[in-house]
Amino acid sequence: MRRILSFAAAFLLTACATSAPELPNENVQTPAAPAKKEISSDLLGASAGELIQAFGQPALQVREGPGLKLQFRGRACILDAYLYPPQPGGVEKVTYVDARTSSGGSTDRNQCALALARR
């Protein structure tokens, strides 16, 4: 849960960032505003235990060969996390995250992760 909350805090801080004021000197370049950080990309590399700490027990757990799919459900959305070991015999880590509404429509993965973490 702490990991997701820290992801959420980083996400919100990044979203609130403002660009630097323009300088009158045309030769000075201002740095580009930082890209908005995605919580779903922060989940990449997480273990099954870390996901369970963040979202609670998965509604569905499916073993597919060397991989593992964990599904977390809430009122707002369904989040699927796909975990595979980085090397044979290793601990599975998240390699992909997908989110959808209960009716099957696509939804924002970041908002879904935040909604599930607030439960």
C-alpha atoms as a PDB file:
ATOM      1  CA  MET A   1       0.000   0.000   0.000  1.00  0.00           C
ATOM      2  CA  ARG A   2       2.872   2.346   0.811  1.00  0.00           C
ATOM      3  CA  ARG A   3       4.359   1.792  -2.628  1.00  0.00           C
ATOM      4  CA  ILE A   4       1.110   2.702  -4.398  1.00  0.00           C
ATOM      5  CA  LEU A   5       0.588   5.711  -2.151  1.00  0.00           C
ATOM      6  CA  SER A   6       4.103   6.892  -2.928  1.00  0.00           C
ATOM      7  CA  PHE A   7       3.342   6.361  -6.626  1.00  0.00           C
ATOM      8  CA  ALA A   8       0.169   8.397  -6.206  1.00  0.00           C
ATOM      9  CA  ALA A   9       2.027  11.179  -4.399  1.00  0.00           C
ATOM     10  CA  ALA A  10       4.685  11.313  -7.115  1.00  0.00           C
ATOM     11  CA  PHE A  11       1.967  11.316  -9.759  1.00  0.00           C
ATOM     12  CA  LEU A  12       0.105  14.187  -8.116  1.00  0.00           C
ATOM     13  CA  LEU A  13       3.268  16.229  -7.550  1.00  0.00           C
ATOM     14  CA  THR A  14       4.300  15.762 -11.158  1.00  0.00           C
ATOM     15  CA  ALA A  15       0.838  16.772 -12.344  1.00  0.00           C
ATOM     16  CA  CYS A  16       1.079  20.000 -10.326  1.00  0.00           C
ATOM     17  CA  ALA A  17       4.453  21.002 -11.773  1.00  0.00           C
ATOM     18  CA  THR A  18       4.494  24.330 -13.580  1.00  0.00           C
ATOM     19  CA  SER A  19       6.822  25.462 -16.325  1.00  0.00           C
ATOM     20  CA  ALA A  20       9.505  28.070 -15.690  1.00  0.00           C
ATOM     21  CA  PRO A  21       8.690  31.685 -16.617  1.00  0.00           C
ATOM     22  CA  GLU A  22       9.983  32.808 -20.005  1.00  0.00           C
ATOM     23  CA  LEU A  23      13.245  34.725 -19.954  1.00  0.00           C
ATOM     24  CA  PRO A  24      13.745  37.778 -22.146  1.00  0.00           C
ATOM     25  CA  ASN A  25      17.076  36.441 -23.482  1.00  0.00           C
ATOM     26  CA  GLU A  26      16.362  34.315 -26.562  1.00  0.00           C
ATOM     27  CA  ASN A  27      19.684  32.446 -26.259  1.00  0.00           C
ATOM     28  CA  VAL A  28      18.713  30.862 -22.937  1.00  0.00           C
ATOM     29  CA  GLN A  29      16.785  27.639 -23.293  1.00  0.00           C
ATOM     30  CA  THR A  30      14.350  26.657 -20.573  1.00  0.00           C
ATOM     31  CA  PRO A  31      14.142  22.956 -19.761  1.00  0.00           C
ATOM     32  CA  ALA A  32      11.064  21.102 -20.890  1.00  0.00           C
ATOM     33  CA  ALA A  33       8.444  20.406 -18.236  1.00  0.00           C
ATOM     34  CA  PRO A  34       8.794  16.902 -16.794  1.00  0.00           C
ATOM     35  CA  ALA A  35       6.564  14.283 -18.343  1.00  0.00           C
ATOM     36  CA  LYS A  36       3.616  13.153 -16.260  1.00  0.00           C
ATOM     37  CA  LYS A  37       4.666  10.024 -14.385  1.00  0.00           C
ATOM     38  CA  GLU A  38       2.437   7.010 -14.835  1.00  0.00           C
ATOM     39  CA  ILE A  39       1.555   4.958 -11.808  1.00  0.00           C
ATOM     40  CA  SER A  40       0.980   1.912 -13.981  1.00  0.00           C
ATOM     41  CA  SER A  41       4.576   2.110 -15.206  1.00  0.00           C
ATOM     42  CA  ASP A  42       5.691   2.301 -11.560  1.00  0.00           C
ATOM     43  CA  LEU A  43       4.019  -1.068 -11.039  1.00  0.00           C
ATOM     44  CA  LEU A  44       6.406  -2.600 -13.556  1.00  0.00           C
ATOM     45  CA  GLY A  45       8.876  -4.768 -11.695  1.00  0.00           C
ATOM     46  CA  ALA A  46       6.626  -5.199  -8.637  1.00  0.00           C
ATOM     47  CA  SER A  47       6.228  -8.658  -7.144  1.00  0.00           C
ATOM     48  CA  ALA A  48       2.914 -10.394  -6.476  1.00  0.00           C
ATOM     49  CA  GLY A  49       3.353  -9.667  -2.767  1.00  0.00           C
ATOM     50  CA  GLU A  50       3.801  -5.957  -3.409  1.00  0.00           C
ATOM     51  CA  LEU A  51       0.645  -5.874  -5.541  1.00  0.00           C
ATOM     52  CA  ILE A  52      -1.311  -7.658  -2.823  1.00  0.00           C
ATOM     53  CA  GLN A  53      -0.044  -5.166  -0.229  1.00  0.00           C
ATOM     54  CA  ALA A  54      -1.184  -2.312  -2.466  1.00  0.00           C
ATOM     55  CA  PHE A  55      -4.525  -3.641  -3.742  1.00  0.00           C
ATOM     56  CA  GLY A  56      -5.512  -6.498  -1.403  1.00  0.00           C
ATOM     57  CA  GLN A  57      -6.182 -10.080  -2.428  1.00  0.00           C
ATOM     58  CA  PRO A  58      -6.653 -10.531  -6.178  1.00  0.00           C
ATOM     59  CA  ALA A  59     -10.117 -11.456  -7.422  1.00  0.00           C
ATOM     60  CA  LEU A  60      -8.510 -13.823  -9.927  1.00  0.00           C
ATOM     61  CA  GLN A  61      -5.151 -15.561 -10.086  1.00  0.00           C
ATOM     62  CA  VAL A  62      -4.237 -17.529 -13.210  1.00  0.00           C
ATOM     63  CA  ARG A  63      -1.003 -19.418 -13.798  1.00  0.00           C
ATOM     64  CA  GLU A  64      -0.052 -19.410 -17.499  1.00  0.00           C
ATOM     65  CA  GLY A  65       3.152 -21.381 -18.093  1.00  0.00           C
ATOM     66  CA  PRO A  66       5.951 -19.506 -16.352  1.00  0.00           C
ATOM     67  CA  GLY A  67       3.733 -16.434 -15.948  1.00  0.00           C
ATOM     68  CA  LEU A  68       1.094 -15.321 -13.505  1.00  0.00           C
ATOM     69  CA  LYS A  69      -1.912 -13.077 -14.082  1.00  0.00           C
ATOM     70  CA  LEU A  70      -3.380 -11.254 -11.095  1.00  0.00           C
ATOM     71  CA  GLN A  71      -6.702  -9.441 -11.460  1.00  0.00           C
ATOM     72  CA  PHE A  72      -7.873  -6.784  -9.021  1.00  0.00           C
ATOM     73  CA  ARG A  73     -11.476  -5.536  -9.184  1.00  0.00           C
ATOM     74  CA  GLY A  74     -13.175  -2.474  -7.809  1.00  0.00           C
ATOM     75  CA  ARG A  75     -16.310  -0.476  -8.540  1.00  0.00           C
ATOM     76  CA  ALA A  76     -14.485   1.785 -10.966  1.00  0.00           C
ATOM     77  CA  CYS A  77     -12.407  -0.727 -12.893  1.00  0.00           C
ATOM     78  CA  ILE A  78     -10.590  -4.021 -13.308  1.00  0.00           C
ATOM     79  CA  LEU A  79      -6.789  -4.088 -13.285  1.00  0.00           C
ATOM     80  CA  ASP A  80      -4.860  -7.021 -14.769  1.00  0.00           C
ATOM     81  CA  ALA A  81      -1.187  -7.402 -13.894  1.00  0.00           C
ATOM     82  CA  TYR A  82       0.956  -9.888 -15.803  1.00  0.00           C
ATOM     83  CA  LEU A  83       4.017 -11.204 -13.993  1.00  0.00           C
ATOM     84  CA  TYR A  84       6.890 -13.203 -15.477  1.00  0.00           C
ATOM     85  CA  PRO A  85      10.247 -14.200 -13.996  1.00  0.00           C
ATOM     86  CA  PRO A  86      13.159 -12.166 -15.384  1.00  0.00           C
ATOM     87  CA  GLN A  87      15.125 -15.420 -15.636  1.00  0.00           C
ATOM     88  CA  PRO A  88      14.023 -19.067 -15.410  1.00  0.00           C
ATOM     89  CA  GLY A  89      13.342 -19.981 -11.806  1.00  0.00           C
ATOM     90  CA  GLY A  90      13.314 -16.339 -10.688  1.00  0.00           C
ATOM     91  CA  VAL A  91      10.586 -14.478  -8.826  1.00  0.00           C
ATOM     92  CA  GLU A  92       7.796 -13.213 -11.077  1.00  0.00           C
ATOM     93  CA  LYS A  93       7.716  -9.443 -11.585  1.00  0.00           C
ATOM     94  CA  VAL A  94       5.099  -7.272 -13.308  1.00  0.00           C
ATOM     95  CA  THR A  95       5.888  -6.846 -16.999  1.00  0.00           C
ATOM     96  CA  TYR A  96       2.539  -5.434 -18.188  1.00  0.00           C
ATOM     97  CA  VAL A  97      -0.556  -3.804 -16.669  1.00  0.00           C
ATOM     98  CA  ASP A  98      -3.960  -3.397 -18.302  1.00  0.00           C
ATOM     99  CA  ALA A  99      -7.188  -1.774 -17.084  1.00  0.00           C
ATOM    100  CA  ARG A 100     -10.808  -1.774 -18.216  1.00  0.00           C
ATOM    101  CA  THR A 101     -14.287  -1.004 -16.976  1.00  0.00           C
ATOM    102  CA  SER A 102     -16.597  -3.791 -15.805  1.00  0.00           C
ATOM    103  CA  SER A 103     -18.393  -3.551 -19.147  1.00  0.00           C
ATOM    104  CA  GLY A 104     -15.122  -4.213 -20.993  1.00  0.00           C
ATOM    105  CA  GLY A 105     -14.357  -0.687 -22.184  1.00  0.00           C
ATOM    106  CA  SER A 106     -10.848   0.650 -21.861  1.00  0.00           C
ATOM    107  CA  THR A 107     -10.014   2.991 -19.012  1.00  0.00           C
ATOM    108  CA  ASP A 108      -6.956   4.851 -17.758  1.00  0.00           C
ATOM    109  CA  ARG A 109      -4.549   2.501 -15.968  1.00  0.00           C
ATOM    110  CA  ASN A 110      -3.320   5.234 -13.628  1.00  0.00           C
ATOM    111  CA  GLN A 111      -6.798   6.209 -12.474  1.00  0.00           C
ATOM    112  CA  CYS A 112      -7.694   2.549 -12.039  1.00  0.00           C
ATOM    113  CA  ALA A 113      -4.615   1.872  -9.881  1.00  0.00           C
ATOM    114  CA  LEU A 114      -5.404   4.931  -7.747  1.00  0.00           C
ATOM    115  CA  ALA A 115      -9.052   3.876  -7.329  1.00  0.00           C
ATOM    116  CA  LEU A 116      -8.063   0.346  -6.327  1.00  0.00           C
ATOM    117  CA  ALA A 117      -5.457   1.607  -3.858  1.00  0.00           C
ATOM    118  CA  ARG A 118      -8.054   3.798  -2.090  1.00  0.00           C
ATOM    119  CA  ARG A 119     -10.298   0.826  -1.196  1.00  0.00           C
END
